Amino acid sequence: MNTGQKNSPEQYISDTVDLSVDLGGLRLKNPVTAASGTFGYGREYEPFADISRLGAVIVKGTTLKPTPGNPAPRIYETASGMLNSIGLENPGIEVFLDIHLPYLLERGVQVIANIAGNTFEDNETLGAMIRRQSGVAAIELNISCPNVEKGGMHFGTDPDMVFQVVNAVKKVTDLPVIPKLSPNVSDITIIAQAAQAGGADALSMINTLMGMAIDVKKRKPVLGNIFGGLSGPAIKPVALRMIYQVHKEIDIPILGGGGIMNVTDVLEFIMAGSSAVSIGTANFVQPGISVQLINELADYMVANNVAKISDLVGAAVYK
């Protein structure tokens, strides 16, 4: 939805429209972020886009110790989507803080750290290690990964555990805490309310849907871990529905994502109740898409006389 105008988003922000949003105390210059696990540590995408122009980069899920991840194959393309079973492969918190974080900060990137502990104690330790003075802007608390045996989705499907883990991390960090919710539950609003009660500053939703694929020639599951997380356009209607439902029941902002591929998708998520959006699978299809969406969002606002993007949050929600 590009009108062909050549003005940069920065000029729109200062002269014509306001793309900035507040995400639970975290001020973003625009609502477009790169989703964890799809953008590496940012440097992988520098040949394709100026990553400093994003509202934020949410880095790969980080654990206390280096994690090798799941056995291959880990990725499989499906109709209108992708299955992944990476298993939170990462070099551990110390490597992130010592090597990857300084690199991003030198380039003016606002960084949201995604932490994934196997236990309550792990999450507390990770939260305590990532404080404001480190340069991290906020913590996305991964309580919904469907591809790991410990922690992950086990935390995110029980309201009591959601409350406890969010509350535990809030007690040890001075940063905004944004738990990432699983769609693999019977009632997402109960989980969202538990997270808010635990002290969440905002919610990130949704993570991937549990799925699988079978190789009919080999007569065995395609993925080495058997099950994986389904992402991409196939899950967009589910994500929109859940965000719409949760927006009506909570008082904190939502970082919404799930199958966003173009600016119309971005606008749908915002109008369903998302204050900001995360771009995931689309990064694999078009590596420069995230920055392009900022331009197109500004174009839409100018063309439709929208002064502040925040005015559109929840615009389609019937209270």
C-alpha atoms as a PDB file:
ATOM      1  CA  MET A   1       0.000   0.000   0.000  1.00  0.00           C
ATOM      2  CA  ASN A   2       2.800   2.407  -0.930  1.00  0.00           C
ATOM      3  CA  THR A   3       1.547   5.684  -2.371  1.00  0.00           C
ATOM      4  CA  GLY A   4       4.865   6.372  -4.042  1.00  0.00           C
ATOM      5  CA  GLN A   5       5.798   9.255  -1.764  1.00  0.00           C
ATOM      6  CA  LYS A   6       9.533   9.460  -1.103  1.00  0.00           C
ATOM      7  CA  ASN A   7       9.447  11.064   2.338  1.00  0.00           C
ATOM      8  CA  SER A   8      11.105   9.006   5.055  1.00  0.00           C
ATOM      9  CA  PRO A   9       9.177   7.792   8.120  1.00  0.00           C
ATOM     10  CA  GLU A  10      11.341  10.119  10.234  1.00  0.00           C
ATOM     11  CA  GLN A  11      10.003  13.143   8.335  1.00  0.00           C
ATOM     12  CA  TYR A  12       6.447  11.885   8.762  1.00  0.00           C
ATOM     13  CA  ILE A  13       6.948  11.458  12.476  1.00  0.00           C
ATOM     14  CA  SER A  14       8.274  14.978  12.968  1.00  0.00           C
ATOM     15  CA  ASP A  15       6.204  16.886  10.422  1.00  0.00           C
ATOM     16  CA  THR A  16       2.975  15.083   9.629  1.00  0.00           C
ATOM     17  CA  VAL A  17       2.080  11.978  11.631  1.00  0.00           C
ATOM     18  CA  ASP A  18       3.069  10.402  14.924  1.00  0.00           C
ATOM     19  CA  LEU A  19       4.093   6.747  14.650  1.00  0.00           C
ATOM     20  CA  SER A  20       5.319   6.458  18.234  1.00  0.00           C
ATOM     21  CA  VAL A  21       3.614   4.111  20.695  1.00  0.00           C
ATOM     22  CA  ASP A  22       3.823   3.247  24.374  1.00  0.00           C
ATOM     23  CA  LEU A  23       4.215  -0.446  25.138  1.00  0.00           C
ATOM     24  CA  GLY A  24       3.842  -0.741  28.891  1.00  0.00           C
ATOM     25  CA  GLY A  25       6.333   2.015  29.676  1.00  0.00           C
ATOM     26  CA  LEU A  26       8.537   1.211  26.692  1.00  0.00           C
ATOM     27  CA  ARG A  27       8.436   4.057  24.178  1.00  0.00           C
ATOM     28  CA  LEU A  28       8.810   2.898  20.579  1.00  0.00           C
ATOM     29  CA  LYS A  29       9.427   5.374  17.745  1.00  0.00           C
ATOM     30  CA  ASN A  30       7.143   3.265  15.573  1.00  0.00           C
ATOM     31  CA  PRO A  31       5.047   0.135  16.181  1.00  0.00           C
ATOM     32  CA  VAL A  32       7.030  -2.260  13.969  1.00  0.00           C
ATOM     33  CA  THR A  33       9.311  -4.760  15.718  1.00  0.00           C
ATOM     34  CA  ALA A  34      11.191  -7.856  14.556  1.00  0.00           C
ATOM     35  CA  ALA A  35       9.917 -11.017  16.225  1.00  0.00           C
ATOM     36  CA  SER A  36      12.214 -13.167  18.327  1.00  0.00           C
ATOM     37  CA  GLY A  37      13.686 -16.153  16.547  1.00  0.00           C
ATOM     38  CA  THR A  38      13.139 -14.711  13.076  1.00  0.00           C
ATOM     39  CA  PHE A  39      15.684 -11.890  13.079  1.00  0.00           C
ATOM     40  CA  GLY A  40      18.699 -13.474  14.759  1.00  0.00           C
ATOM     41  CA  TYR A  41      20.674 -10.744  16.505  1.00  0.00           C
ATOM     42  CA  GLY A  42      19.957  -8.147  13.839  1.00  0.00           C
ATOM     43  CA  ARG A  43      23.317  -8.269  12.089  1.00  0.00           C
ATOM     44  CA  GLU A  44      22.039 -11.010   9.767  1.00  0.00           C
ATOM     45  CA  TYR A  45      19.581  -8.512   8.259  1.00  0.00           C
ATOM     46  CA  GLU A  46      21.851  -5.479   7.929  1.00  0.00           C
ATOM     47  CA  PRO A  47      22.537  -6.149   4.215  1.00  0.00           C
ATOM     48  CA  PHE A  48      18.811  -5.747   3.577  1.00  0.00           C
ATOM     49  CA  ALA A  49      17.585  -2.961   5.869  1.00  0.00           C
ATOM     50  CA  ASP A  50      18.609  -0.240   8.302  1.00  0.00           C
ATOM     51  CA  ILE A  51      17.704  -2.118  11.466  1.00  0.00           C
ATOM     52  CA  SER A  52      17.997   1.028  13.599  1.00  0.00           C
ATOM     53  CA  ARG A  53      14.777   2.284  12.005  1.00  0.00           C
ATOM     54  CA  LEU A  54      12.697  -0.470  13.615  1.00  0.00           C
ATOM     55  CA  GLY A  55      10.694   0.241  16.741  1.00  0.00           C
ATOM     56  CA  ALA A  56      12.680  -2.575  18.342  1.00  0.00           C
ATOM     57  CA  VAL A  57      14.489  -5.809  17.591  1.00  0.00           C
ATOM     58  CA  ILE A  58      13.443  -8.749  19.763  1.00  0.00           C
ATOM     59  CA  VAL A  59      16.480 -11.017  19.788  1.00  0.00           C
ATOM     60  CA  LYS A  60      16.647 -14.807  19.757  1.00  0.00           C
ATOM     61  CA  GLY A  61      15.350 -16.626  22.811  1.00  0.00           C
ATOM     62  CA  THR A  62      18.113 -16.605  25.415  1.00  0.00           C
ATOM     63  CA  THR A  63      18.775 -19.256  28.052  1.00  0.00           C
ATOM     64  CA  LEU A  64      21.198 -19.342  30.989  1.00  0.00           C
ATOM     65  CA  LYS A  65      23.584 -21.780  29.331  1.00  0.00           C
ATOM     66  CA  PRO A  66      24.313 -22.468  25.651  1.00  0.00           C
ATOM     67  CA  THR A  67      21.554 -24.581  24.127  1.00  0.00           C
ATOM     68  CA  PRO A  68      22.136 -26.787  21.050  1.00  0.00           C
ATOM     69  CA  GLY A  69      18.480 -26.928  20.043  1.00  0.00           C
ATOM     70  CA  ASN A  70      16.501 -29.773  18.540  1.00  0.00           C
ATOM     71  CA  PRO A  71      17.653 -32.410  16.043  1.00  0.00           C
ATOM     72  CA  ALA A  72      17.312 -31.706  12.324  1.00  0.00           C
ATOM     73  CA  PRO A  73      15.246 -31.285  10.245  1.00  0.00           C
ATOM     74  CA  ARG A  74      14.053 -28.129  12.032  1.00  0.00           C
ATOM     75  CA  ILE A  75      12.200 -26.205   9.327  1.00  0.00           C
ATOM     76  CA  TYR A  76       9.439 -27.281   6.973  1.00  0.00           C
ATOM     77  CA  GLU A  77       7.365 -25.151   4.632  1.00  0.00           C
ATOM     78  CA  THR A  78       3.609 -25.718   4.754  1.00  0.00           C
ATOM     79  CA  ALA A  79       0.648 -24.302   2.874  1.00  0.00           C
ATOM     80  CA  SER A  80       0.539 -20.599   3.822  1.00  0.00           C
ATOM     81  CA  GLY A  81       3.074 -21.028   6.578  1.00  0.00           C
ATOM     82  CA  MET A  82       6.077 -22.698   8.105  1.00  0.00           C
ATOM     83  CA  LEU A  83       6.758 -25.280  10.795  1.00  0.00           C
ATOM     84  CA  ASN A  84       9.827 -24.749  12.933  1.00  0.00           C
ATOM     85  CA  SER A  85      11.377 -26.788  15.698  1.00  0.00           C
ATOM     86  CA  ILE A  86      14.574 -24.902  16.459  1.00  0.00           C
ATOM     87  CA  GLY A  87      14.412 -25.641  20.175  1.00  0.00           C
ATOM     88  CA  LEU A  88      15.786 -22.300  21.378  1.00  0.00           C
ATOM     89  CA  GLU A  89      19.294 -22.848  20.006  1.00  0.00           C
ATOM     90  CA  ASN A  90      21.413 -19.994  21.381  1.00  0.00           C
ATOM     91  CA  PRO A  91      24.856 -19.291  22.880  1.00  0.00           C
ATOM     92  CA  GLY A  92      23.555 -18.361  26.345  1.00  0.00           C
ATOM     93  CA  ILE A  93      22.988 -15.143  28.278  1.00  0.00           C
ATOM     94  CA  GLU A  94      26.649 -14.220  28.785  1.00  0.00           C
ATOM     95  CA  VAL A  95      27.443 -14.307  25.062  1.00  0.00           C
ATOM     96  CA  PHE A  96      24.341 -12.249  24.356  1.00  0.00           C
ATOM     97  CA  LEU A  97      25.281  -9.584  26.894  1.00  0.00           C
ATOM     98  CA  ASP A  98      28.982  -9.506  25.999  1.00  0.00           C
ATOM     99  CA  ILE A  99      28.879  -9.785  22.204  1.00  0.00           C
ATOM    100  CA  HIS A 100      25.488  -9.398  20.564  1.00  0.00           C
ATOM    101  CA  LEU A 101      23.971  -6.654  22.726  1.00  0.00           C
ATOM    102  CA  PRO A 102      26.884  -4.176  22.350  1.00  0.00           C
ATOM    103  CA  TYR A 103      26.792  -4.703  18.576  1.00  0.00           C
ATOM    104  CA  LEU A 104      23.103  -3.764  18.418  1.00  0.00           C
ATOM    105  CA  LEU A 105      23.449  -0.801  20.769  1.00  0.00           C
ATOM    106  CA  GLU A 106      26.316   0.625  18.708  1.00  0.00           C
ATOM    107  CA  ARG A 107      23.934   0.721  15.759  1.00  0.00           C
ATOM    108  CA  GLY A 108      21.204   2.569  17.642  1.00  0.00           C
ATOM    109  CA  VAL A 109      18.854  -0.406  17.866  1.00  0.00           C
ATOM    110  CA  GLN A 110      16.299  -0.573  20.660  1.00  0.00           C
ATOM    111  CA  VAL A 111      16.689  -4.106  22.013  1.00  0.00           C
ATOM    112  CA  ILE A 112      14.078  -6.315  23.656  1.00  0.00           C
ATOM    113  CA  ALA A 113      15.620  -9.438  25.173  1.00  0.00           C
ATOM    114  CA  ASN A 114      13.660 -12.680  24.968  1.00  0.00           C
ATOM    115  CA  ILE A 115      14.428 -14.907  27.952  1.00  0.00           C
ATOM    116  CA  ALA A 116      13.509 -18.571  28.292  1.00  0.00           C
ATOM    117  CA  GLY A 117      14.240 -20.324  31.571  1.00  0.00           C
ATOM    118  CA  ASN A 118      13.627 -24.007  32.249  1.00  0.00           C
ATOM    119  CA  THR A 119      12.535 -23.219  35.818  1.00  0.00           C
ATOM    120  CA  PHE A 120      11.201 -20.312  37.871  1.00  0.00           C
ATOM    121  CA  GLU A 121      14.716 -19.864  39.251  1.00  0.00           C
ATOM    122  CA  ASP A 122      16.207 -19.737  35.752  1.00  0.00           C
ATOM    123  CA  ASN A 123      13.820 -16.985  34.742  1.00  0.00           C
ATOM    124  CA  GLU A 124      14.554 -15.029  37.913  1.00  0.00           C
ATOM    125  CA  THR A 125      18.290 -15.286  37.267  1.00  0.00           C
ATOM    126  CA  LEU A 126      17.928 -14.229  33.639  1.00  0.00           C
ATOM    127  CA  GLY A 127      15.696 -11.313  34.612  1.00  0.00           C
ATOM    128  CA  ALA A 128      18.148 -10.154  37.250  1.00  0.00           C
ATOM    129  CA  MET A 129      21.037 -10.276  34.770  1.00  0.00           C
ATOM    130  CA  ILE A 130      19.202  -8.082  32.286  1.00  0.00           C
ATOM    131  CA  ARG A 131      18.749  -4.715  33.940  1.00  0.00           C
ATOM    132  CA  ARG A 132      18.245  -1.255  32.535  1.00  0.00           C
ATOM    133  CA  GLN A 133      21.921  -0.365  32.792  1.00  0.00           C
ATOM    134  CA  SER A 134      22.729  -3.182  30.371  1.00  0.00           C
ATOM    135  CA  GLY A 135      21.109  -1.217  27.561  1.00  0.00           C
ATOM    136  CA  VAL A 136      18.221  -3.639  27.090  1.00  0.00           C
ATOM    137  CA  ALA A 137      14.917  -1.759  26.770  1.00  0.00           C
ATOM    138  CA  ALA A 138      12.508  -4.519  27.897  1.00  0.00           C
ATOM    139  CA  ILE A 139      12.171  -8.240  28.507  1.00  0.00           C
ATOM    140  CA  GLU A 140       9.951 -10.533  26.462  1.00  0.00           C
ATOM    141  CA  LEU A 141       9.324 -13.484  28.776  1.00  0.00           C
ATOM    142  CA  ASN A 142       9.082 -16.645  26.709  1.00  0.00           C
ATOM    143  CA  ILE A 143       6.513 -18.840  28.448  1.00  0.00           C
ATOM    144  CA  SER A 144       5.036 -20.268  25.270  1.00  0.00           C
ATOM    145  CA  CYS A 145       7.652 -21.999  23.113  1.00  0.00           C
ATOM    146  CA  PRO A 146       6.131 -25.305  21.895  1.00  0.00           C
ATOM    147  CA  ASN A 147       9.478 -26.778  20.846  1.00  0.00           C
ATOM    148  CA  VAL A 148      11.246 -27.445  24.153  1.00  0.00           C
ATOM    149  CA  GLU A 149      10.708 -30.153  26.754  1.00  0.00           C
ATOM    150  CA  LYS A 150      11.317 -27.989  29.828  1.00  0.00           C
ATOM    151  CA  GLY A 151       9.919 -24.540  30.596  1.00  0.00           C
ATOM    152  CA  GLY A 152       8.439 -23.016  27.454  1.00  0.00           C
ATOM    153  CA  MET A 153       4.785 -23.787  26.930  1.00  0.00           C
ATOM    154  CA  HIS A 154       4.541 -25.632  30.268  1.00  0.00           C
ATOM    155  CA  PHE A 155       4.663 -22.235  31.997  1.00  0.00           C
ATOM    156  CA  GLY A 156       2.248 -20.555  29.623  1.00  0.00           C
ATOM    157  CA  THR A 157      -0.752 -22.885  29.655  1.00  0.00           C
ATOM    158  CA  ASP A 158      -1.582 -22.771  33.366  1.00  0.00           C
ATOM    159  CA  PRO A 159      -2.899 -19.468  34.830  1.00  0.00           C
ATOM    160  CA  ASP A 160      -1.303 -20.031  38.242  1.00  0.00           C
ATOM    161  CA  MET A 161       2.100 -20.737  36.727  1.00  0.00           C
ATOM    162  CA  VAL A 162       1.773 -17.724  34.446  1.00  0.00           C
ATOM    163  CA  PHE A 163       1.070 -15.506  37.434  1.00  0.00           C
ATOM    164  CA  GLN A 164       3.979 -16.945  39.412  1.00  0.00           C
ATOM    165  CA  VAL A 165       6.628 -16.714  36.693  1.00  0.00           C
ATOM    166  CA  VAL A 166       5.672 -13.188  35.646  1.00  0.00           C
ATOM    167  CA  ASN A 167       5.589 -12.059  39.254  1.00  0.00           C
ATOM    168  CA  ALA A 168       8.979 -13.657  39.958  1.00  0.00           C
ATOM    169  CA  VAL A 169      10.671 -11.873  37.059  1.00  0.00           C
ATOM    170  CA  LYS A 170       9.012  -8.540  37.883  1.00  0.00           C
ATOM    171  CA  LYS A 171      10.564  -8.676  41.346  1.00  0.00           C
ATOM    172  CA  VAL A 172      14.139  -8.900  40.081  1.00  0.00           C
ATOM    173  CA  THR A 173      14.245  -6.439  37.185  1.00  0.00           C
ATOM    174  CA  ASP A 174      13.514  -2.757  36.646  1.00  0.00           C
ATOM    175  CA  LEU A 175      12.589  -3.296  32.990  1.00  0.00           C
ATOM    176  CA  PRO A 176       9.152  -3.659  31.414  1.00  0.00           C
ATOM    177  CA  VAL A 177       8.239  -7.366  31.378  1.00  0.00           C
ATOM    178  CA  ILE A 178       6.237  -8.614  28.405  1.00  0.00           C
ATOM    179  CA  PRO A 179       5.227 -12.298  28.626  1.00  0.00           C
ATOM    180  CA  LYS A 180       4.707 -14.022  25.285  1.00  0.00           C
ATOM    181  CA  LEU A 181       1.478 -16.005  25.340  1.00  0.00           C
ATOM    182  CA  SER A 182       0.742 -19.375  23.806  1.00  0.00           C
ATOM    183  CA  PRO A 183      -2.269 -19.876  21.519  1.00  0.00           C
ATOM    184  CA  ASN A 184      -2.316 -23.556  22.508  1.00  0.00           C
ATOM    185  CA  VAL A 185      -4.846 -23.012  25.295  1.00  0.00           C
ATOM    186  CA  SER A 186      -8.620 -23.285  25.606  1.00  0.00           C
ATOM    187  CA  ASP A 187      -9.175 -19.683  26.801  1.00  0.00           C
ATOM    188  CA  ILE A 188      -6.471 -17.105  26.047  1.00  0.00           C
ATOM    189  CA  THR A 189      -8.235 -14.406  28.097  1.00  0.00           C
ATOM    190  CA  ILE A 190      -7.725 -16.315  31.365  1.00  0.00           C
ATOM    191  CA  ILE A 191      -3.997 -16.604  30.653  1.00  0.00           C
ATOM    192  CA  ALA A 192      -3.805 -12.919  29.742  1.00  0.00           C
ATOM    193  CA  GLN A 193      -5.566 -11.878  32.944  1.00  0.00           C
ATOM    194  CA  ALA A 194      -3.200 -14.041  35.007  1.00  0.00           C
ATOM    195  CA  ALA A 195      -0.204 -12.389  33.351  1.00  0.00           C
ATOM    196  CA  GLN A 196      -1.611  -8.928  34.047  1.00  0.00           C
ATOM    197  CA  ALA A 197      -2.287  -9.869  37.673  1.00  0.00           C
ATOM    198  CA  GLY A 198       1.312 -11.072  37.958  1.00  0.00           C
ATOM    199  CA  GLY A 199       2.552  -7.621  37.020  1.00  0.00           C
ATOM    200  CA  ALA A 200       3.056  -7.811  33.253  1.00  0.00           C
ATOM    201  CA  ASP A 201       3.594  -4.406  31.675  1.00  0.00           C
ATOM    202  CA  ALA A 202       2.336  -5.585  28.276  1.00  0.00           C
ATOM    203  CA  LEU A 203       1.579  -8.853  26.499  1.00  0.00           C
ATOM    204  CA  SER A 204       3.192 -10.388  23.424  1.00  0.00           C
ATOM    205  CA  MET A 205       0.842 -12.587  21.429  1.00  0.00           C
ATOM    206  CA  ILE A 206       0.716 -14.974  19.862  1.00  0.00           C
ATOM    207  CA  ASN A 207       3.464 -17.569  19.727  1.00  0.00           C
ATOM    208  CA  THR A 208       3.236 -20.397  17.197  1.00  0.00           C
ATOM    209  CA  LEU A 209       0.519 -23.046  17.032  1.00  0.00           C
ATOM    210  CA  MET A 210       1.567 -26.645  17.650  1.00  0.00           C
ATOM    211  CA  GLY A 211       1.661 -28.670  14.444  1.00  0.00           C
ATOM    212  CA  MET A 212       3.424 -31.398  12.504  1.00  0.00           C
ATOM    213  CA  ALA A 213       4.030 -32.809   9.024  1.00  0.00           C
ATOM    214  CA  ILE A 214       4.532 -36.355   7.768  1.00  0.00           C
ATOM    215  CA  ASP A 215       6.788 -37.594   4.966  1.00  0.00           C
ATOM    216  CA  VAL A 216       4.536 -40.135   3.250  1.00  0.00           C
ATOM    217  CA  LYS A 217       7.432 -41.748   1.371  1.00  0.00           C
ATOM    218  CA  LYS A 218       9.429 -42.396   4.520  1.00  0.00           C
ATOM    219  CA  ARG A 219       6.288 -42.887   6.603  1.00  0.00           C
ATOM    220  CA  LYS A 220       7.659 -40.788   9.428  1.00  0.00           C
ATOM    221  CA  PRO A 221       7.346 -37.246  10.810  1.00  0.00           C
ATOM    222  CA  VAL A 222       9.270 -34.635   8.837  1.00  0.00           C
ATOM    223  CA  LEU A 223      10.658 -32.730  11.813  1.00  0.00           C
ATOM    224  CA  GLY A 224      13.389 -34.257  13.929  1.00  0.00           C
ATOM    225  CA  ASN A 225      11.466 -33.272  17.058  1.00  0.00           C
ATOM    226  CA  ILE A 226       8.191 -34.579  15.518  1.00  0.00           C
ATOM    227  CA  PHE A 227       6.177 -31.494  16.517  1.00  0.00           C
ATOM    228  CA  GLY A 228       6.893 -27.868  15.694  1.00  0.00           C
ATOM    229  CA  GLY A 229       5.428 -24.398  15.799  1.00  0.00           C
ATOM    230  CA  LEU A 230       3.260 -23.251  12.890  1.00  0.00           C
ATOM    231  CA  SER A 231       3.717 -19.624  11.852  1.00  0.00           C
ATOM    232  CA  GLY A 232       2.947 -17.475   8.836  1.00  0.00           C
ATOM    233  CA  PRO A 233      -0.287 -16.343   7.145  1.00  0.00           C
ATOM    234  CA  ALA A 234      -2.075 -19.575   8.095  1.00  0.00           C
ATOM    235  CA  ILE A 235      -2.290 -18.480  11.737  1.00  0.00           C
ATOM    236  CA  LYS A 236      -3.250 -14.834  11.180  1.00  0.00           C
ATOM    237  CA  PRO A 237      -7.028 -15.288  11.687  1.00  0.00           C
ATOM    238  CA  VAL A 238      -6.372 -17.109  14.974  1.00  0.00           C
ATOM    239  CA  ALA A 239      -3.969 -14.413  16.160  1.00  0.00           C
ATOM    240  CA  LEU A 240      -6.402 -11.618  15.290  1.00  0.00           C
ATOM    241  CA  ARG A 241      -9.243 -13.348  17.102  1.00  0.00           C
ATOM    242  CA  MET A 242      -7.210 -13.856  20.255  1.00  0.00           C
ATOM    243  CA  ILE A 243      -5.883 -10.299  20.302  1.00  0.00           C
ATOM    244  CA  TYR A 244      -9.398  -8.973  19.815  1.00  0.00           C
ATOM    245  CA  GLN A 245     -10.650 -11.066  22.737  1.00  0.00           C
ATOM    246  CA  VAL A 246      -7.784 -10.157  25.064  1.00  0.00           C
ATOM    247  CA  HIS A 247      -7.896  -6.431  24.276  1.00  0.00           C
ATOM    248  CA  LYS A 248     -11.432  -6.361  25.650  1.00  0.00           C
ATOM    249  CA  GLU A 249     -10.436  -8.011  28.939  1.00  0.00           C
ATOM    250  CA  ILE A 250      -7.151  -6.387  30.001  1.00  0.00           C
ATOM    251  CA  ASP A 251      -5.791  -2.916  30.721  1.00  0.00           C
ATOM    252  CA  ILE A 252      -2.235  -3.291  29.415  1.00  0.00           C
ATOM    253  CA  PRO A 253      -0.918  -2.951  25.848  1.00  0.00           C
ATOM    254  CA  ILE A 254      -0.483  -5.811  23.382  1.00  0.00           C
ATOM    255  CA  LEU A 255       2.424  -6.548  21.054  1.00  0.00           C
ATOM    256  CA  GLY A 256       0.618  -8.478  18.348  1.00  0.00           C
ATOM    257  CA  GLY A 257       1.886 -10.855  15.714  1.00  0.00           C
ATOM    258  CA  GLY A 258       1.111 -13.978  13.760  1.00  0.00           C
ATOM    259  CA  GLY A 259       1.211 -14.075   9.970  1.00  0.00           C
ATOM    260  CA  ILE A 260       1.770 -10.384   9.235  1.00  0.00           C
ATOM    261  CA  MET A 261       2.934 -10.081   5.611  1.00  0.00           C
ATOM    262  CA  ASN A 262       1.897  -6.581   4.501  1.00  0.00           C
ATOM    263  CA  VAL A 263       0.715  -3.201   5.769  1.00  0.00           C
ATOM    264  CA  THR A 264      -2.947  -4.221   5.638  1.00  0.00           C
ATOM    265  CA  ASP A 265      -2.125  -7.010   8.069  1.00  0.00           C
ATOM    266  CA  VAL A 266      -0.364  -4.502  10.335  1.00  0.00           C
ATOM    267  CA  LEU A 267      -3.441  -2.272  10.349  1.00  0.00           C
ATOM    268  CA  GLU A 268      -5.737  -5.208  11.111  1.00  0.00           C
ATOM    269  CA  PHE A 269      -3.651  -6.160  14.140  1.00  0.00           C
ATOM    270  CA  ILE A 270      -3.598  -2.581  15.400  1.00  0.00           C
ATOM    271  CA  MET A 271      -7.341  -2.151  14.928  1.00  0.00           C
ATOM    272  CA  ALA A 272      -7.912  -5.478  16.734  1.00  0.00           C
ATOM    273  CA  GLY A 273      -6.114  -4.075  19.781  1.00  0.00           C
ATOM    274  CA  SER A 274      -2.350  -4.272  19.230  1.00  0.00           C
ATOM    275  CA  SER A 275      -0.359  -1.196  20.218  1.00  0.00           C
ATOM    276  CA  ALA A 276       2.636  -2.563  18.305  1.00  0.00           C
ATOM    277  CA  VAL A 277       3.296  -5.502  16.008  1.00  0.00           C
ATOM    278  CA  SER A 278       6.022  -8.112  15.557  1.00  0.00           C
ATOM    279  CA  ILE A 279       7.084  -9.312  12.119  1.00  0.00           C
ATOM    280  CA  GLY A 280       8.199 -12.939  11.988  1.00  0.00           C
ATOM    281  CA  THR A 281       7.943 -15.378   9.109  1.00  0.00           C
ATOM    282  CA  ALA A 282       7.727 -12.532   6.599  1.00  0.00           C
ATOM    283  CA  ASN A 283      11.391 -11.764   7.320  1.00  0.00           C
ATOM    284  CA  PHE A 284      12.362 -15.060   5.688  1.00  0.00           C
ATOM    285  CA  VAL A 285      10.314 -14.281   2.574  1.00  0.00           C
ATOM    286  CA  GLN A 286      11.370 -10.639   2.204  1.00  0.00           C
ATOM    287  CA  PRO A 287      14.294  -9.679   4.458  1.00  0.00           C
ATOM    288  CA  GLY A 288      13.661  -5.933   4.184  1.00  0.00           C
ATOM    289  CA  ILE A 289       9.932  -6.140   4.886  1.00  0.00           C
ATOM    290  CA  SER A 290       9.984  -4.669   8.398  1.00  0.00           C
ATOM    291  CA  VAL A 291      11.414  -1.300   7.376  1.00  0.00           C
ATOM    292  CA  GLN A 292       9.223  -1.261   4.279  1.00  0.00           C
ATOM    293  CA  LEU A 293       6.165  -1.631   6.504  1.00  0.00           C
ATOM    294  CA  ILE A 294       7.146   1.478   8.485  1.00  0.00           C
ATOM    295  CA  ASN A 295       7.189   3.482   5.237  1.00  0.00           C
ATOM    296  CA  GLU A 296       3.856   2.080   4.099  1.00  0.00           C
ATOM    297  CA  LEU A 297       2.239   2.648   7.476  1.00  0.00           C
ATOM    298  CA  ALA A 298       3.254   6.310   7.338  1.00  0.00           C
ATOM    299  CA  ASP A 299       1.876   6.533   3.790  1.00  0.00           C
ATOM    300  CA  TYR A 300      -1.458   5.090   4.942  1.00  0.00           C
ATOM    301  CA  MET A 301      -1.710   7.582   7.791  1.00  0.00           C
ATOM    302  CA  VAL A 302      -1.025  10.545   5.520  1.00  0.00           C
ATOM    303  CA  ALA A 303      -3.505   9.330   2.905  1.00  0.00           C
ATOM    304  CA  ASN A 304      -6.212   8.733   5.514  1.00  0.00           C
ATOM    305  CA  ASN A 305      -5.640  11.814   7.715  1.00  0.00           C
ATOM    306  CA  VAL A 306      -4.582   9.786  10.745  1.00  0.00           C
ATOM    307  CA  ALA A 307      -2.428  11.996  12.976  1.00  0.00           C
ATOM    308  CA  LYS A 308      -1.396   9.399  15.586  1.00  0.00           C
ATOM    309  CA  ILE A 309      -1.075   5.673  15.067  1.00  0.00           C
ATOM    310  CA  SER A 310      -2.194   5.160  18.662  1.00  0.00           C
ATOM    311  CA  ASP A 311      -5.620   6.502  17.657  1.00  0.00           C
ATOM    312  CA  LEU A 312      -6.174   3.309  15.641  1.00  0.00           C
ATOM    313  CA  VAL A 313      -5.458   0.862  18.484  1.00  0.00           C
ATOM    314  CA  GLY A 314      -8.607  -1.185  19.061  1.00  0.00           C
ATOM    315  CA  ALA A 315     -10.574   0.869  16.531  1.00  0.00           C
ATOM    316  CA  ALA A 316     -12.407  -2.254  15.301  1.00  0.00           C
ATOM    317  CA  VAL A 317     -13.158  -3.663  18.770  1.00  0.00           C
ATOM    318  CA  TYR A 318     -16.755  -3.565  19.965  1.00  0.00           C
ATOM    319  CA  LYS A 319     -16.614  -2.869  23.686  1.00  0.00           C
END
